[in-house]
Amino acid sequence: DPKTRLQELLQSHRYPLPAYTVLEVSGKAHNQVFKVECSIEGLDCITTAQGKSRRKAEQAAAKLAIEEVSKKMAS
């Protein structure tokens, strides 16, 4: 799961854990869409994603963060 992989990647390089913030919830109760931000202090990394549940939105944001963090660590 991307959230776990991101946490392990950050811990292995001694960066702080990511913070997840729900930015928006839209749609009717039975068909909501969650917009979530994943931010990593010290890496200037903020990603945003949406999903049909908070968990799925967090996982999507974490997946984007892994890609961004990996690029920053490679440079």
C-alpha atoms as a PDB file:
ATOM      1  CA  ASP A   1       0.000   0.000   0.000  1.00  0.00           C
ATOM      2  CA  PRO A   2       1.434   3.408  -0.992  1.00  0.00           C
ATOM      3  CA  LYS A   3       0.984   4.993   2.448  1.00  0.00           C
ATOM      4  CA  THR A   4       3.134   2.298   4.054  1.00  0.00           C
ATOM      5  CA  ARG A   5       5.761   2.471   1.287  1.00  0.00           C
ATOM      6  CA  LEU A   6       5.972   6.257   1.626  1.00  0.00           C
ATOM      7  CA  GLN A   7       6.338   6.019   5.404  1.00  0.00           C
ATOM      8  CA  GLU A   8       9.113   3.412   5.083  1.00  0.00           C
ATOM      9  CA  LEU A   9      10.922   5.490   2.442  1.00  0.00           C
ATOM     10  CA  LEU A  10      10.818   8.602   4.615  1.00  0.00           C
ATOM     11  CA  GLN A  11      11.873   6.767   7.776  1.00  0.00           C
ATOM     12  CA  SER A  12      14.821   5.161   5.982  1.00  0.00           C
ATOM     13  CA  HIS A  13      16.105   8.651   5.115  1.00  0.00           C
ATOM     14  CA  ARG A  14      15.174  10.153   8.505  1.00  0.00           C
ATOM     15  CA  TYR A  15      12.506  12.492   7.193  1.00  0.00           C
ATOM     16  CA  PRO A  16       9.332  13.266   9.168  1.00  0.00           C
ATOM     17  CA  LEU A  17       6.184  11.269   8.497  1.00  0.00           C
ATOM     18  CA  PRO A  18       3.684  12.673   6.006  1.00  0.00           C
ATOM     19  CA  ALA A  19       0.621  14.607   7.118  1.00  0.00           C
ATOM     20  CA  TYR A  20      -2.712  13.953   5.404  1.00  0.00           C
ATOM     21  CA  THR A  21      -5.383  16.650   5.312  1.00  0.00           C
ATOM     22  CA  VAL A  22      -8.883  16.334   3.869  1.00  0.00           C
ATOM     23  CA  LEU A  23      -9.302  19.454   1.744  1.00  0.00           C
ATOM     24  CA  GLU A  24     -12.790  18.822   0.431  1.00  0.00           C
ATOM     25  CA  VAL A  25     -15.648  16.331   0.531  1.00  0.00           C
ATOM     26  CA  SER A  26     -18.165  16.619  -2.268  1.00  0.00           C
ATOM     27  CA  GLY A  27     -21.127  14.652  -3.542  1.00  0.00           C
ATOM     28  CA  LYS A  28     -24.068  13.028  -1.836  1.00  0.00           C
ATOM     29  CA  ALA A  29     -23.617  10.831   1.246  1.00  0.00           C
ATOM     30  CA  HIS A  30     -23.744   7.603  -0.776  1.00  0.00           C
ATOM     31  CA  ASN A  31     -21.412   8.863  -3.519  1.00  0.00           C
ATOM     32  CA  GLN A  32     -18.844  11.169  -1.923  1.00  0.00           C
ATOM     33  CA  VAL A  33     -15.509  12.206  -3.378  1.00  0.00           C
ATOM     34  CA  PHE A  34     -12.677  13.076  -0.994  1.00  0.00           C
ATOM     35  CA  LYS A  35      -9.860  15.447  -1.924  1.00  0.00           C
ATOM     36  CA  VAL A  36      -6.785  14.902   0.250  1.00  0.00           C
ATOM     37  CA  GLU A  37      -3.417  16.619   0.534  1.00  0.00           C
ATOM     38  CA  CYS A  38      -0.244  14.794   1.549  1.00  0.00           C
ATOM     39  CA  SER A  39       2.532  17.062   2.812  1.00  0.00           C
ATOM     40  CA  ILE A  40       6.054  16.203   3.931  1.00  0.00           C
ATOM     41  CA  GLU A  41       7.792  18.782   6.052  1.00  0.00           C
ATOM     42  CA  GLY A  42      11.434  19.381   5.191  1.00  0.00           C
ATOM     43  CA  LEU A  43      11.098  18.104   1.630  1.00  0.00           C
ATOM     44  CA  ASP A  44       8.855  20.850   0.256  1.00  0.00           C
ATOM     45  CA  CYS A  45       6.556  18.127  -1.042  1.00  0.00           C
ATOM     46  CA  ILE A  46       2.787  18.576  -1.274  1.00  0.00           C
ATOM     47  CA  THR A  47       0.604  16.314  -3.385  1.00  0.00           C
ATOM     48  CA  THR A  48      -3.160  16.256  -3.826  1.00  0.00           C
ATOM     49  CA  ALA A  49      -5.441  13.436  -4.961  1.00  0.00           C
ATOM     50  CA  GLN A  50      -9.081  12.372  -4.865  1.00  0.00           C
ATOM     51  CA  GLY A  51     -10.878   9.135  -4.204  1.00  0.00           C
ATOM     52  CA  LYS A  52     -14.233   7.575  -3.377  1.00  0.00           C
ATOM     53  CA  SER A  53     -13.112   7.216   0.249  1.00  0.00           C
ATOM     54  CA  ARG A  54     -10.693   9.086   2.478  1.00  0.00           C
ATOM     55  CA  ARG A  55      -8.426   6.038   2.528  1.00  0.00           C
ATOM     56  CA  LYS A  56      -8.313   5.757  -1.276  1.00  0.00           C
ATOM     57  CA  ALA A  57      -7.624   9.476  -1.629  1.00  0.00           C
ATOM     58  CA  GLU A  58      -4.793   9.258   0.930  1.00  0.00           C
ATOM     59  CA  GLN A  59      -3.291   6.269  -0.905  1.00  0.00           C
ATOM     60  CA  ALA A  60      -3.447   8.104  -4.236  1.00  0.00           C
ATOM     61  CA  ALA A  61      -1.781  11.188  -2.719  1.00  0.00           C
ATOM     62  CA  ALA A  62       0.888   8.979  -1.118  1.00  0.00           C
ATOM     63  CA  LYS A  63       1.606   7.318  -4.478  1.00  0.00           C
ATOM     64  CA  LEU A  64       2.187  10.747  -6.051  1.00  0.00           C
ATOM     65  CA  ALA A  65       4.358  11.743  -3.093  1.00  0.00           C
ATOM     66  CA  ILE A  66       6.538   8.618  -3.514  1.00  0.00           C
ATOM     67  CA  GLU A  67       7.231   9.632  -7.112  1.00  0.00           C
ATOM     68  CA  GLU A  68       8.052  13.227  -6.116  1.00  0.00           C
ATOM     69  CA  VAL A  69      10.213  12.245  -3.142  1.00  0.00           C
ATOM     70  CA  SER A  70      12.101   9.672  -5.209  1.00  0.00           C
ATOM     71  CA  LYS A  71      12.941  12.344  -7.805  1.00  0.00           C
ATOM     72  CA  LYS A  72      14.140  14.757  -5.102  1.00  0.00           C
ATOM     73  CA  MET A  73      16.307  12.097  -3.453  1.00  0.00           C
ATOM     74  CA  ALA A  74      17.833  11.112  -6.808  1.00  0.00           C
ATOM     75  CA  SER A  75      18.959  14.682  -7.554  1.00  0.00           C
END
